[in-house]
């Protein structure tokens, strides 16, 4: 299992627009990814808008991205950068 721990960089947390950006990026990553709040560790599908919104992750809160798939390290690095920096789109490179 490959994991990345990162603090949510969007001031509003993973709500509405940031959650939509994250879910699209997780879907485009090409590997199955889970996301969980570090505080409770209950992972959900990162490609599910409802699941991500249901986390209620706030700005600055630590989350855990994880995957068992081949190529997960690169995908998780890119997603972690997106979340940590509160970017508007998935970075081309890490």
PDB file of N, CA and C in Angstrom:
ATOM      1  N   UNK A   1       0.854  -1.184   0.000  1.00  0.00           N
ATOM      2  CA  UNK A   1       0.000   0.000   0.000  1.00  0.00           C
ATOM      3  C   UNK A   1       0.893   1.239   0.000  1.00  0.00           C
ATOM      4  N   UNK A   2       0.655   2.114  -0.949  1.00  0.00           N
ATOM      5  CA  UNK A   2       1.361   3.381  -1.042  1.00  0.00           C
ATOM      6  C   UNK A   2       0.454   4.458  -0.457  1.00  0.00           C
ATOM      7  N   UNK A   3       1.013   5.306   0.389  1.00  0.00           N
ATOM      8  CA  UNK A   3       0.218   6.364   1.021  1.00  0.00           C
ATOM      9  C   UNK A   3       0.924   7.702   0.915  1.00  0.00           C
ATOM     10  N   UNK A   4       0.131   8.741   0.898  1.00  0.00           N
ATOM     11  CA  UNK A   4       0.638  10.108   0.989  1.00  0.00           C
ATOM     12  C   UNK A   4      -0.240  10.836   2.009  1.00  0.00           C
ATOM     13  N   UNK A   5       0.404  11.458   2.981  1.00  0.00           N
ATOM     14  CA  UNK A   5      -0.307  12.279   3.968  1.00  0.00           C
ATOM     15  C   UNK A   5      -0.084  13.734   3.588  1.00  0.00           C
ATOM     16  N   UNK A   6      -1.169  14.483   3.561  1.00  0.00           N
ATOM     17  CA  UNK A   6      -1.082  15.871   3.112  1.00  0.00           C
ATOM     18  C   UNK A   6      -2.160  16.702   3.796  1.00  0.00           C
ATOM     19  N   UNK A   7      -1.864  17.973   4.016  1.00  0.00           N
ATOM     20  CA  UNK A   7      -2.851  18.893   4.570  1.00  0.00           C
ATOM     21  C   UNK A   7      -3.614  19.551   3.424  1.00  0.00           C
ATOM     22  N   UNK A   8      -4.915  19.692   3.595  1.00  0.00           N
ATOM     23  CA  UNK A   8      -5.776  20.278   2.570  1.00  0.00           C
ATOM     24  C   UNK A   8      -5.414  21.759   2.400  1.00  0.00           C
ATOM     25  N   UNK A   9      -5.033  22.130   1.186  1.00  0.00           N
ATOM     26  CA  UNK A   9      -4.584  23.486   0.903  1.00  0.00           C
ATOM     27  C   UNK A   9      -5.682  24.464   0.536  1.00  0.00           C
ATOM     28  N   UNK A  10      -6.863  23.970   0.215  1.00  0.00           N
ATOM     29  CA  UNK A  10      -7.976  24.867  -0.091  1.00  0.00           C
ATOM     30  C   UNK A  10      -8.538  25.395   1.215  1.00  0.00           C
ATOM     31  N   UNK A  11      -8.660  26.700   1.348  1.00  0.00           N
ATOM     32  CA  UNK A  11      -9.155  27.309   2.586  1.00  0.00           C
ATOM     33  C   UNK A  11     -10.534  26.780   2.955  1.00  0.00           C
ATOM     34  N   UNK A  12     -11.380  26.548   1.942  1.00  0.00           N
ATOM     35  CA  UNK A  12     -12.732  26.056   2.197  1.00  0.00           C
ATOM     36  C   UNK A  12     -12.790  24.542   2.382  1.00  0.00           C
ATOM     37  N   UNK A  13     -11.660  23.872   2.304  1.00  0.00           N
ATOM     38  CA  UNK A  13     -11.611  22.423   2.464  1.00  0.00           C
ATOM     39  C   UNK A  13     -12.072  21.715   1.204  1.00  0.00           C
ATOM     40  N   UNK A  14     -12.366  20.442   1.326  1.00  0.00           N
ATOM     41  CA  UNK A  14     -12.823  19.649   0.182  1.00  0.00           C
ATOM     42  C   UNK A  14     -14.335  19.744   0.063  1.00  0.00           C
ATOM     43  N   UNK A  15     -14.805  20.915  -0.304  1.00  0.00           N
ATOM     44  CA  UNK A  15     -16.227  21.161  -0.468  1.00  0.00           C
ATOM     45  C   UNK A  15     -16.472  21.747  -1.851  1.00  0.00           C
ATOM     46  N   UNK A  16     -17.592  21.406  -2.448  1.00  0.00           N
ATOM     47  CA  UNK A  16     -18.045  21.940  -3.738  1.00  0.00           C
ATOM     48  C   UNK A  16     -16.954  21.974  -4.805  1.00  0.00           C
ATOM     49  N   UNK A  17     -16.478  23.160  -5.174  1.00  0.00           N
ATOM     50  CA  UNK A  17     -15.536  23.287  -6.279  1.00  0.00           C
ATOM     51  C   UNK A  17     -14.234  22.518  -6.035  1.00  0.00           C
ATOM     52  N   UNK A  18     -13.561  22.665  -4.879  1.00  0.00           N
ATOM     53  CA  UNK A  18     -12.335  21.899  -4.663  1.00  0.00           C
ATOM     54  C   UNK A  18     -12.563  20.378  -4.714  1.00  0.00           C
ATOM     55  N   UNK A  19     -13.677  19.927  -4.176  1.00  0.00           N
ATOM     56  CA  UNK A  19     -13.972  18.485  -4.223  1.00  0.00           C
ATOM     57  C   UNK A  19     -14.149  18.033  -5.664  1.00  0.00           C
ATOM     58  N   UNK A  20     -14.806  18.848  -6.471  1.00  0.00           N
ATOM     59  CA  UNK A  20     -15.001  18.523  -7.880  1.00  0.00           C
ATOM     60  C   UNK A  20     -13.655  18.428  -8.607  1.00  0.00           C
ATOM     61  N   UNK A  21     -12.770  19.381  -8.348  1.00  0.00           N
ATOM     62  CA  UNK A  21     -11.433  19.365  -8.950  1.00  0.00           C
ATOM     63  C   UNK A  21     -10.691  18.103  -8.527  1.00  0.00           C
ATOM     64  N   UNK A  22     -10.740  17.796  -7.230  1.00  0.00           N
ATOM     65  CA  UNK A  22     -10.036  16.618  -6.717  1.00  0.00           C
ATOM     66  C   UNK A  22     -10.589  15.327  -7.317  1.00  0.00           C
ATOM     67  N   UNK A  23     -11.902  15.184  -7.360  1.00  0.00           N
ATOM     68  CA  UNK A  23     -12.517  13.951  -7.883  1.00  0.00           C
ATOM     69  C   UNK A  23     -12.166  13.757  -9.357  1.00  0.00           C
ATOM     70  N   UNK A  24     -12.200  14.825 -10.136  1.00  0.00           N
ATOM     71  CA  UNK A  24     -11.814  14.711 -11.554  1.00  0.00           C
ATOM     72  C   UNK A  24     -10.359  14.281 -11.685  1.00  0.00           C
ATOM     73  N   UNK A  25      -9.494  14.830 -10.840  1.00  0.00           N
ATOM     74  CA  UNK A  25      -8.078  14.469 -10.865  1.00  0.00           C
ATOM     75  C   UNK A  25      -7.869  13.022 -10.425  1.00  0.00           C
ATOM     76  N   UNK A  26      -8.594  12.591  -9.398  1.00  0.00           N
ATOM     77  CA  UNK A  26      -8.474  11.209  -8.924  1.00  0.00           C
ATOM     78  C   UNK A  26      -8.950  10.230  -9.986  1.00  0.00           C
ATOM     79  N   UNK A  27     -10.015  10.582 -10.686  1.00  0.00           N
ATOM     80  CA  UNK A  27     -10.527   9.738 -11.767  1.00  0.00           C
ATOM     81  C   UNK A  27      -9.517   9.669 -12.905  1.00  0.00           C
ATOM     82  N   UNK A  28      -8.915  10.805 -13.238  1.00  0.00           N
ATOM     83  CA  UNK A  28      -7.944  10.869 -14.335  1.00  0.00           C
ATOM     84  C   UNK A  28      -6.609  10.217 -13.979  1.00  0.00           C
ATOM     85  N   UNK A  29      -6.369   9.962 -12.703  1.00  0.00           N
ATOM     86  CA  UNK A  29      -5.089   9.392 -12.274  1.00  0.00           C
ATOM     87  C   UNK A  29      -4.839   8.009 -12.864  1.00  0.00           C
ATOM     88  N   UNK A  30      -5.902   7.312 -13.220  1.00  0.00           N
ATOM     89  CA  UNK A  30      -5.746   6.008 -13.852  1.00  0.00           C
ATOM     90  C   UNK A  30      -5.504   4.851 -12.903  1.00  0.00           C
ATOM     91  N   UNK A  31      -5.527   5.103 -11.612  1.00  0.00           N
ATOM     92  CA  UNK A  31      -5.400   4.043 -10.611  1.00  0.00           C
ATOM     93  C   UNK A  31      -6.461   4.266  -9.546  1.00  0.00           C
ATOM     94  N   UNK A  32      -6.949   3.203  -8.927  1.00  0.00           N
ATOM     95  CA  UNK A  32      -7.919   3.382  -7.847  1.00  0.00           C
ATOM     96  C   UNK A  32      -7.240   4.012  -6.628  1.00  0.00           C
ATOM     97  N   UNK A  33      -7.852   5.053  -6.096  1.00  0.00           N
ATOM     98  CA  UNK A  33      -7.289   5.796  -4.966  1.00  0.00           C
ATOM     99  C   UNK A  33      -8.362   5.932  -3.897  1.00  0.00           C
ATOM    100  N   UNK A  34      -7.941   5.835  -2.653  1.00  0.00           N
ATOM    101  CA  UNK A  34      -8.843   6.127  -1.544  1.00  0.00           C
ATOM    102  C   UNK A  34      -8.351   7.385  -0.846  1.00  0.00           C
ATOM    103  N   UNK A  35      -9.273   8.039  -0.155  1.00  0.00           N
ATOM    104  CA  UNK A  35      -8.959   9.230   0.624  1.00  0.00           C
ATOM    105  C   UNK A  35      -9.612   9.067   1.987  1.00  0.00           C
ATOM    106  N   UNK A  36      -8.910   9.506   3.022  1.00  0.00           N
ATOM    107  CA  UNK A  36      -9.441   9.422   4.377  1.00  0.00           C
ATOM    108  C   UNK A  36      -8.918  10.599   5.185  1.00  0.00           C
ATOM    109  N   UNK A  37      -9.682  10.997   6.181  1.00  0.00           N
ATOM    110  CA  UNK A  37      -9.166  11.961   7.151  1.00  0.00           C
ATOM    111  C   UNK A  37      -8.150  11.211   7.999  1.00  0.00           C
ATOM    112  N   UNK A  38      -7.019  11.822   8.255  1.00  0.00           N
ATOM    113  CA  UNK A  38      -5.996  11.170   9.074  1.00  0.00           C
ATOM    114  C   UNK A  38      -6.506  10.919  10.483  1.00  0.00           C
ATOM    115  N   UNK A  39      -7.425  11.757  10.951  1.00  0.00           N
ATOM    116  CA  UNK A  39      -7.925  11.640  12.317  1.00  0.00           C
ATOM    117  C   UNK A  39      -8.813  10.426  12.546  1.00  0.00           C
ATOM    118  N   UNK A  40      -9.545   9.971  11.516  1.00  0.00           N
ATOM    119  CA  UNK A  40     -10.414   8.808  11.728  1.00  0.00           C
ATOM    120  C   UNK A  40     -10.059   7.611  10.854  1.00  0.00           C
ATOM    121  N   UNK A  41      -9.282   7.818   9.800  1.00  0.00           N
ATOM    122  CA  UNK A  41      -8.767   6.713   9.003  1.00  0.00           C
ATOM    123  C   UNK A  41      -9.794   5.884   8.268  1.00  0.00           C
ATOM    124  N   UNK A  42     -11.004   6.388   8.044  1.00  0.00           N
ATOM    125  CA  UNK A  42     -12.040   5.640   7.349  1.00  0.00           C
ATOM    126  C   UNK A  42     -11.984   5.991   5.857  1.00  0.00           C
ATOM    127  N   UNK A  43     -11.288   5.171   5.023  1.00  0.00           N
ATOM    128  CA  UNK A  43     -11.087   5.530   3.618  1.00  0.00           C
ATOM    129  C   UNK A  43     -12.343   5.387   2.766  1.00  0.00           C
ATOM    130  N   UNK A  44     -12.451   6.320   1.792  1.00  0.00           N
ATOM    131  CA  UNK A  44     -13.542   6.276   0.821  1.00  0.00           C
ATOM    132  C   UNK A  44     -12.945   6.384  -0.575  1.00  0.00           C
ATOM    133  N   UNK A  45     -13.737   6.057  -1.577  1.00  0.00           N
ATOM    134  CA  UNK A  45     -13.318   6.122  -2.967  1.00  0.00           C
ATOM    135  C   UNK A  45     -13.078   7.579  -3.368  1.00  0.00           C
ATOM    136  N   UNK A  46     -11.855   7.895  -3.777  1.00  0.00           N
ATOM    137  CA  UNK A  46     -11.498   9.265  -4.142  1.00  0.00           C
ATOM    138  C   UNK A  46     -12.153   9.713  -5.445  1.00  0.00           C
ATOM    139  N   UNK A  47     -12.686   8.786  -6.224  1.00  0.00           N
ATOM    140  CA  UNK A  47     -13.335   9.125  -7.491  1.00  0.00           C
ATOM    141  C   UNK A  47     -14.840   9.342  -7.322  1.00  0.00           C
ATOM    142  N   UNK A  48     -15.326   9.310  -6.085  1.00  0.00           N
ATOM    143  CA  UNK A  48     -16.753   9.501  -5.808  1.00  0.00           C
ATOM    144  C   UNK A  48     -16.989  10.870  -5.175  1.00  0.00           C
ATOM    145  N   UNK A  49     -17.693  11.721  -5.891  1.00  0.00           N
ATOM    146  CA  UNK A  49     -17.974  13.073  -5.393  1.00  0.00           C
ATOM    147  C   UNK A  49     -18.711  13.027  -4.051  1.00  0.00           C
ATOM    148  N   UNK A  50     -19.721  12.183  -3.954  1.00  0.00           N
ATOM    149  CA  UNK A  50     -20.480  12.100  -2.705  1.00  0.00           C
ATOM    150  C   UNK A  50     -19.609  11.626  -1.551  1.00  0.00           C
ATOM    151  N   UNK A  51     -18.738  10.653  -1.812  1.00  0.00           N
ATOM    152  CA  UNK A  51     -17.872  10.135  -0.758  1.00  0.00           C
ATOM    153  C   UNK A  51     -16.887  11.203  -0.291  1.00  0.00           C
ATOM    154  N   UNK A  52     -16.307  11.939  -1.231  1.00  0.00           N
ATOM    155  CA  UNK A  52     -15.346  12.991  -0.875  1.00  0.00           C
ATOM    156  C   UNK A  52     -16.038  14.110  -0.111  1.00  0.00           C
ATOM    157  N   UNK A  53     -17.198  14.528  -0.568  1.00  0.00           N
ATOM    158  CA  UNK A  53     -17.948  15.552   0.159  1.00  0.00           C
ATOM    159  C   UNK A  53     -18.314  15.070   1.557  1.00  0.00           C
ATOM    160  N   UNK A  54     -18.644  13.774   1.664  1.00  0.00           N
ATOM    161  CA  UNK A  54     -19.027  13.189   2.942  1.00  0.00           C
ATOM    162  C   UNK A  54     -17.917  13.190   3.975  1.00  0.00           C
ATOM    163  N   UNK A  55     -16.677  13.272   3.525  1.00  0.00           N
ATOM    164  CA  UNK A  55     -15.562  13.326   4.473  1.00  0.00           C
ATOM    165  C   UNK A  55     -15.617  14.596   5.324  1.00  0.00           C
ATOM    166  N   UNK A  56     -16.046  15.673   4.707  1.00  0.00           N
ATOM    167  CA  UNK A  56     -16.078  16.949   5.420  1.00  0.00           C
ATOM    168  C   UNK A  56     -14.695  17.447   5.787  1.00  0.00           C
ATOM    169  N   UNK A  57     -13.700  17.176   4.939  1.00  0.00           N
ATOM    170  CA  UNK A  57     -12.320  17.603   5.214  1.00  0.00           C
ATOM    171  C   UNK A  57     -12.219  19.124   5.108  1.00  0.00           C
ATOM    172  N   UNK A  58     -11.706  19.749   6.146  1.00  0.00           N
ATOM    173  CA  UNK A  58     -11.580  21.197   6.203  1.00  0.00           C
ATOM    174  C   UNK A  58     -10.186  21.654   5.773  1.00  0.00           C
ATOM    175  N   UNK A  59     -10.079  22.929   5.431  1.00  0.00           N
ATOM    176  CA  UNK A  59      -8.788  23.503   5.074  1.00  0.00           C
ATOM    177  C   UNK A  59      -7.780  23.303   6.197  1.00  0.00           C
ATOM    178  N   UNK A  60      -6.582  22.849   5.851  1.00  0.00           N
ATOM    179  CA  UNK A  60      -5.535  22.605   6.834  1.00  0.00           C
ATOM    180  C   UNK A  60      -5.578  21.243   7.489  1.00  0.00           C
ATOM    181  N   UNK A  61      -6.671  20.519   7.316  1.00  0.00           N
ATOM    182  CA  UNK A  61      -6.811  19.194   7.930  1.00  0.00           C
ATOM    183  C   UNK A  61      -5.972  18.170   7.161  1.00  0.00           C
ATOM    184  N   UNK A  62      -5.372  17.234   7.891  1.00  0.00           N
ATOM    185  CA  UNK A  62      -4.548  16.205   7.258  1.00  0.00           C
ATOM    186  C   UNK A  62      -5.421  15.081   6.705  1.00  0.00           C
ATOM    187  N   UNK A  63      -5.133  14.698   5.458  1.00  0.00           N
ATOM    188  CA  UNK A  63      -5.810  13.567   4.827  1.00  0.00           C
ATOM    189  C   UNK A  63      -4.764  12.548   4.386  1.00  0.00           C
ATOM    190  N   UNK A  64      -5.253  11.331   4.118  1.00  0.00           N
ATOM    191  CA  UNK A  64      -4.385  10.251   3.649  1.00  0.00           C
ATOM    192  C   UNK A  64      -4.910   9.768   2.312  1.00  0.00           C
ATOM    193  N   UNK A  65      -4.048   9.808   1.295  1.00  0.00           N
ATOM    194  CA  UNK A  65      -4.353   9.255  -0.027  1.00  0.00           C
ATOM    195  C   UNK A  65      -3.645   7.923  -0.107  1.00  0.00           C
ATOM    196  N   UNK A  66      -4.309   6.889  -0.630  1.00  0.00           N
ATOM    197  CA  UNK A  66      -3.704   5.568  -0.675  1.00  0.00           C
ATOM    198  C   UNK A  66      -4.133   4.793  -1.913  1.00  0.00           C
ATOM    199  N   UNK A  67      -3.254   3.866  -2.336  1.00  0.00           N
ATOM    200  CA  UNK A  67      -3.558   2.985  -3.464  1.00  0.00           C
ATOM    201  C   UNK A  67      -2.620   1.787  -3.437  1.00  0.00           C
ATOM    202  N   UNK A  68      -3.114   0.665  -3.933  1.00  0.00           N
ATOM    203  CA  UNK A  68      -2.314  -0.551  -4.076  1.00  0.00           C
ATOM    204  C   UNK A  68      -1.881  -0.788  -5.517  1.00  0.00           C
ATOM    205  N   UNK A  69      -2.324   0.028  -6.431  1.00  0.00           N
ATOM    206  CA  UNK A  69      -2.134  -0.213  -7.860  1.00  0.00           C
ATOM    207  C   UNK A  69      -0.705   0.074  -8.322  1.00  0.00           C
ATOM    208  N   UNK A  70      -0.344  -0.570  -9.427  1.00  0.00           N
ATOM    209  CA  UNK A  70       0.926  -0.279 -10.076  1.00  0.00           C
ATOM    210  C   UNK A  70       0.881   1.160 -10.588  1.00  0.00           C
ATOM    211  N   UNK A  71       1.948   1.894 -10.394  1.00  0.00           N
ATOM    212  CA  UNK A  71       1.977   3.292 -10.797  1.00  0.00           C
ATOM    213  C   UNK A  71       1.370   4.235  -9.783  1.00  0.00           C
ATOM    214  N   UNK A  72       1.034   3.721  -8.626  1.00  0.00           N
ATOM    215  CA  UNK A  72       0.361   4.530  -7.608  1.00  0.00           C
ATOM    216  C   UNK A  72       1.242   5.651  -7.071  1.00  0.00           C
ATOM    217  N   UNK A  73       2.539   5.436  -6.993  1.00  0.00           N
ATOM    218  CA  UNK A  73       3.404   6.459  -6.407  1.00  0.00           C
ATOM    219  C   UNK A  73       3.331   7.767  -7.175  1.00  0.00           C
ATOM    220  N   UNK A  74       3.410   7.703  -8.482  1.00  0.00           N
ATOM    221  CA  UNK A  74       3.356   8.914  -9.304  1.00  0.00           C
ATOM    222  C   UNK A  74       1.976   9.560  -9.194  1.00  0.00           C
ATOM    223  N   UNK A  75       0.933   8.741  -9.282  1.00  0.00           N
ATOM    224  CA  UNK A  75      -0.433   9.267  -9.196  1.00  0.00           C
ATOM    225  C   UNK A  75      -0.672   9.943  -7.847  1.00  0.00           C
ATOM    226  N   UNK A  76      -0.235   9.321  -6.768  1.00  0.00           N
ATOM    227  CA  UNK A  76      -0.446   9.891  -5.439  1.00  0.00           C
ATOM    228  C   UNK A  76       0.381  11.152  -5.231  1.00  0.00           C
ATOM    229  N   UNK A  77       1.587  11.186  -5.795  1.00  0.00           N
ATOM    230  CA  UNK A  77       2.401  12.402  -5.699  1.00  0.00           C
ATOM    231  C   UNK A  77       1.682  13.577  -6.358  1.00  0.00           C
ATOM    232  N   UNK A  78       1.108  13.338  -7.528  1.00  0.00           N
ATOM    233  CA  UNK A  78       0.405  14.397  -8.258  1.00  0.00           C
ATOM    234  C   UNK A  78      -0.850  14.847  -7.507  1.00  0.00           C
ATOM    235  N   UNK A  79      -1.601  13.878  -6.983  1.00  0.00           N
ATOM    236  CA  UNK A  79      -2.808  14.226  -6.225  1.00  0.00           C
ATOM    237  C   UNK A  79      -2.457  14.957  -4.931  1.00  0.00           C
ATOM    238  N   UNK A  80      -1.389  14.524  -4.267  1.00  0.00           N
ATOM    239  CA  UNK A  80      -0.970  15.172  -3.029  1.00  0.00           C
ATOM    240  C   UNK A  80      -0.578  16.624  -3.292  1.00  0.00           C
ATOM    241  N   UNK A  81       0.112  16.865  -4.397  1.00  0.00           N
ATOM    242  CA  UNK A  81       0.502  18.232  -4.755  1.00  0.00           C
ATOM    243  C   UNK A  81      -0.746  19.086  -5.011  1.00  0.00           C
ATOM    244  N   UNK A  82      -1.700  18.524  -5.735  1.00  0.00           N
ATOM    245  CA  UNK A  82      -2.957  19.224  -6.019  1.00  0.00           C
ATOM    246  C   UNK A  82      -3.643  19.649  -4.721  1.00  0.00           C
ATOM    247  N   UNK A  83      -3.759  18.719  -3.790  1.00  0.00           N
ATOM    248  CA  UNK A  83      -4.450  18.977  -2.523  1.00  0.00           C
ATOM    249  C   UNK A  83      -3.658  19.951  -1.647  1.00  0.00           C
ATOM    250  N   UNK A  84      -2.368  19.721  -1.501  1.00  0.00           N
ATOM    251  CA  UNK A  84      -1.551  20.550  -0.612  1.00  0.00           C
ATOM    252  C   UNK A  84      -1.487  22.001  -1.068  1.00  0.00           C
ATOM    253  N   UNK A  85      -1.430  22.203  -2.384  1.00  0.00           N
ATOM    254  CA  UNK A  85      -1.286  23.558  -2.911  1.00  0.00           C
ATOM    255  C   UNK A  85      -2.624  24.199  -3.274  1.00  0.00           C
ATOM    256  N   UNK A  86      -3.715  23.434  -3.146  1.00  0.00           N
ATOM    257  CA  UNK A  86      -5.026  23.961  -3.464  1.00  0.00           C
ATOM    258  C   UNK A  86      -5.129  24.415  -4.904  1.00  0.00           C
ATOM    259  N   UNK A  87      -4.575  23.613  -5.804  1.00  0.00           N
ATOM    260  CA  UNK A  87      -4.525  23.968  -7.227  1.00  0.00           C
ATOM    261  C   UNK A  87      -5.892  23.846  -7.895  1.00  0.00           C
ATOM    262  N   UNK A  88      -6.043  24.503  -9.033  1.00  0.00           N
ATOM    263  CA  UNK A  88      -7.286  24.456  -9.794  1.00  0.00           C
ATOM    264  C   UNK A  88      -7.321  23.324 -10.809  1.00  0.00           C
ATOM    265  N   UNK A  89      -6.179  22.662 -11.010  1.00  0.00           N
ATOM    266  CA  UNK A  89      -6.132  21.506 -11.913  1.00  0.00           C
ATOM    267  C   UNK A  89      -4.944  20.627 -11.547  1.00  0.00           C
ATOM    268  N   UNK A  90      -4.979  19.399 -11.998  1.00  0.00           N
ATOM    269  CA  UNK A  90      -3.927  18.434 -11.722  1.00  0.00           C
ATOM    270  C   UNK A  90      -2.625  18.890 -12.362  1.00  0.00           C
ATOM    271  N   UNK A  91      -1.532  18.917 -11.614  1.00  0.00           N
ATOM    272  CA  UNK A  91      -0.255  19.345 -12.205  1.00  0.00           C
ATOM    273  C   UNK A  91       0.225  18.339 -13.257  1.00  0.00           C
ATOM    274  N   UNK A  92       0.849  18.846 -14.295  1.00  0.00           N
ATOM    275  CA  UNK A  92       1.379  17.976 -15.366  1.00  0.00           C
ATOM    276  C   UNK A  92       2.512  17.101 -14.837  1.00  0.00           C
ATOM    277  N   UNK A  93       3.379  17.687 -14.022  1.00  0.00           N
ATOM    278  CA  UNK A  93       4.492  16.949 -13.448  1.00  0.00           C
ATOM    279  C   UNK A  93       4.598  17.278 -11.980  1.00  0.00           C
ATOM    280  N   UNK A  94       5.322  16.428 -11.283  1.00  0.00           N
ATOM    281  CA  UNK A  94       5.519  16.640  -9.849  1.00  0.00           C
ATOM    282  C   UNK A  94       6.830  17.330  -9.625  1.00  0.00           C
TER     283      UNK A  94
END
